[in-house]
Amino acid sequence: GKIKQFRGIATRYDRKPENYLAALKLASLRIWLKSYESAA
């Protein structure tokens, strides 16, 4: 559900699969870092 907060991923404006996957990885990394910082 948190991935949907990133509008570019939720609406998938970018049609190239490589760019979509890269954006998905970046969003996941940001979510993971935020949760890691709050746990530390």
N, C-alpha and C. Protein backbone atom coordinates (compact mmCIF):
# COMPACT_ATOMS: atom_id res chain seq x y z
N GLY A 1 0.80 -1.19 0.00
CA GLY A 1 0.00 0.00 0.00
C GLY A 1 0.84 1.26 0.00
N LYS A 2 2.01 1.21 0.62
CA LYS A 2 2.83 2.42 0.69
C LYS A 2 3.42 2.80 -0.65
N ILE A 3 3.58 1.82 -1.52
CA ILE A 3 4.11 2.11 -2.85
C ILE A 3 3.16 3.02 -3.62
N LYS A 4 1.87 2.89 -3.37
CA LYS A 4 0.88 3.69 -4.09
C LYS A 4 0.99 5.17 -3.76
N GLN A 5 1.67 5.51 -2.68
CA GLN A 5 1.86 6.91 -2.35
C GLN A 5 2.73 7.61 -3.39
N PHE A 6 3.55 6.86 -4.08
CA PHE A 6 4.39 7.44 -5.11
C PHE A 6 3.57 7.50 -6.40
N ARG A 7 3.18 8.69 -6.77
CA ARG A 7 2.22 8.88 -7.86
C ARG A 7 2.70 8.30 -9.19
N GLY A 8 3.96 8.44 -9.50
CA GLY A 8 4.48 7.92 -10.76
C GLY A 8 4.35 6.42 -10.87
N ILE A 9 4.47 5.75 -9.74
CA ILE A 9 4.36 4.29 -9.75
C ILE A 9 2.88 3.89 -9.75
N ALA A 10 2.09 4.60 -8.99
CA ALA A 10 0.67 4.24 -8.89
C ALA A 10 -0.03 4.40 -10.24
N THR A 11 0.32 5.43 -10.98
CA THR A 11 -0.35 5.68 -12.26
C THR A 11 0.43 5.11 -13.43
N ARG A 12 1.69 4.81 -13.21
CA ARG A 12 2.59 4.25 -14.21
C ARG A 12 2.56 5.03 -15.51
N TYR A 13 3.03 6.28 -15.41
CA TYR A 13 3.12 7.11 -16.60
C TYR A 13 4.20 6.60 -17.54
N ASP A 14 5.27 6.05 -16.96
CA ASP A 14 6.40 5.61 -17.77
C ASP A 14 6.11 4.23 -18.34
N ARG A 15 6.21 4.08 -19.64
CA ARG A 15 5.83 2.82 -20.29
C ARG A 15 7.00 1.86 -20.47
N LYS A 16 8.23 2.32 -20.28
CA LYS A 16 9.38 1.42 -20.42
C LYS A 16 9.53 0.59 -19.16
N PRO A 17 9.60 -0.72 -19.28
CA PRO A 17 9.66 -1.57 -18.08
C PRO A 17 10.90 -1.33 -17.24
N GLU A 18 12.02 -0.97 -17.89
CA GLU A 18 13.24 -0.73 -17.12
C GLU A 18 13.08 0.48 -16.20
N ASN A 19 12.48 1.53 -16.72
CA ASN A 19 12.28 2.74 -15.92
C ASN A 19 11.26 2.50 -14.82
N TYR A 20 10.23 1.73 -15.11
CA TYR A 20 9.22 1.40 -14.11
C TYR A 20 9.84 0.60 -12.96
N LEU A 21 10.67 -0.38 -13.31
CA LEU A 21 11.32 -1.20 -12.30
C LEU A 21 12.28 -0.36 -11.46
N ALA A 22 13.01 0.54 -12.10
CA ALA A 22 13.94 1.40 -11.37
C ALA A 22 13.17 2.30 -10.39
N ALA A 23 12.06 2.87 -10.81
CA ALA A 23 11.26 3.72 -9.94
C ALA A 23 10.69 2.90 -8.78
N LEU A 24 10.28 1.69 -9.07
CA LEU A 24 9.75 0.82 -8.03
C LEU A 24 10.82 0.50 -6.99
N LYS A 25 12.02 0.22 -7.45
CA LYS A 25 13.13 -0.06 -6.52
C LYS A 25 13.47 1.15 -5.68
N LEU A 26 13.49 2.33 -6.30
CA LEU A 26 13.79 3.55 -5.54
C LEU A 26 12.73 3.83 -4.47
N ALA A 27 11.48 3.65 -4.83
CA ALA A 27 10.41 3.87 -3.86
C ALA A 27 10.50 2.86 -2.72
N SER A 28 10.78 1.62 -3.04
CA SER A 28 10.91 0.59 -2.01
C SER A 28 12.07 0.89 -1.09
N LEU A 29 13.18 1.36 -1.67
CA LEU A 29 14.35 1.71 -0.87
C LEU A 29 14.03 2.86 0.08
N ARG A 30 13.32 3.86 -0.41
CA ARG A 30 12.96 4.99 0.46
C ARG A 30 12.06 4.55 1.60
N ILE A 31 11.10 3.67 1.32
CA ILE A 31 10.21 3.16 2.37
C ILE A 31 11.00 2.35 3.38
N TRP A 32 11.92 1.51 2.91
CA TRP A 32 12.73 0.68 3.80
C TRP A 32 13.63 1.55 4.67
N LEU A 33 14.26 2.56 4.08
CA LEU A 33 15.15 3.44 4.85
C LEU A 33 14.38 4.19 5.92
N LYS A 34 13.18 4.64 5.58
CA LYS A 34 12.38 5.37 6.55
C LYS A 34 12.01 4.47 7.73
N SER A 35 11.65 3.23 7.45
CA SER A 35 11.30 2.31 8.54
C SER A 35 12.54 1.90 9.32
N TYR A 36 13.68 1.79 8.65
CA TYR A 36 14.92 1.43 9.33
C TYR A 36 15.37 2.53 10.28
N GLU A 37 15.25 3.79 9.83
CA GLU A 37 15.64 4.92 10.68
C GLU A 37 14.76 5.03 11.90
N SER A 38 13.47 4.77 11.74
CA SER A 38 12.56 4.90 12.89
C SER A 38 12.78 3.77 13.89
N ALA A 39 13.29 2.62 13.42
CA ALA A 39 13.53 1.49 14.30
C ALA A 39 14.85 1.64 15.06
N ALA A 40 15.77 2.38 14.50
CA ALA A 40 17.11 2.51 15.11
C ALA A 40 17.16 3.54 16.21
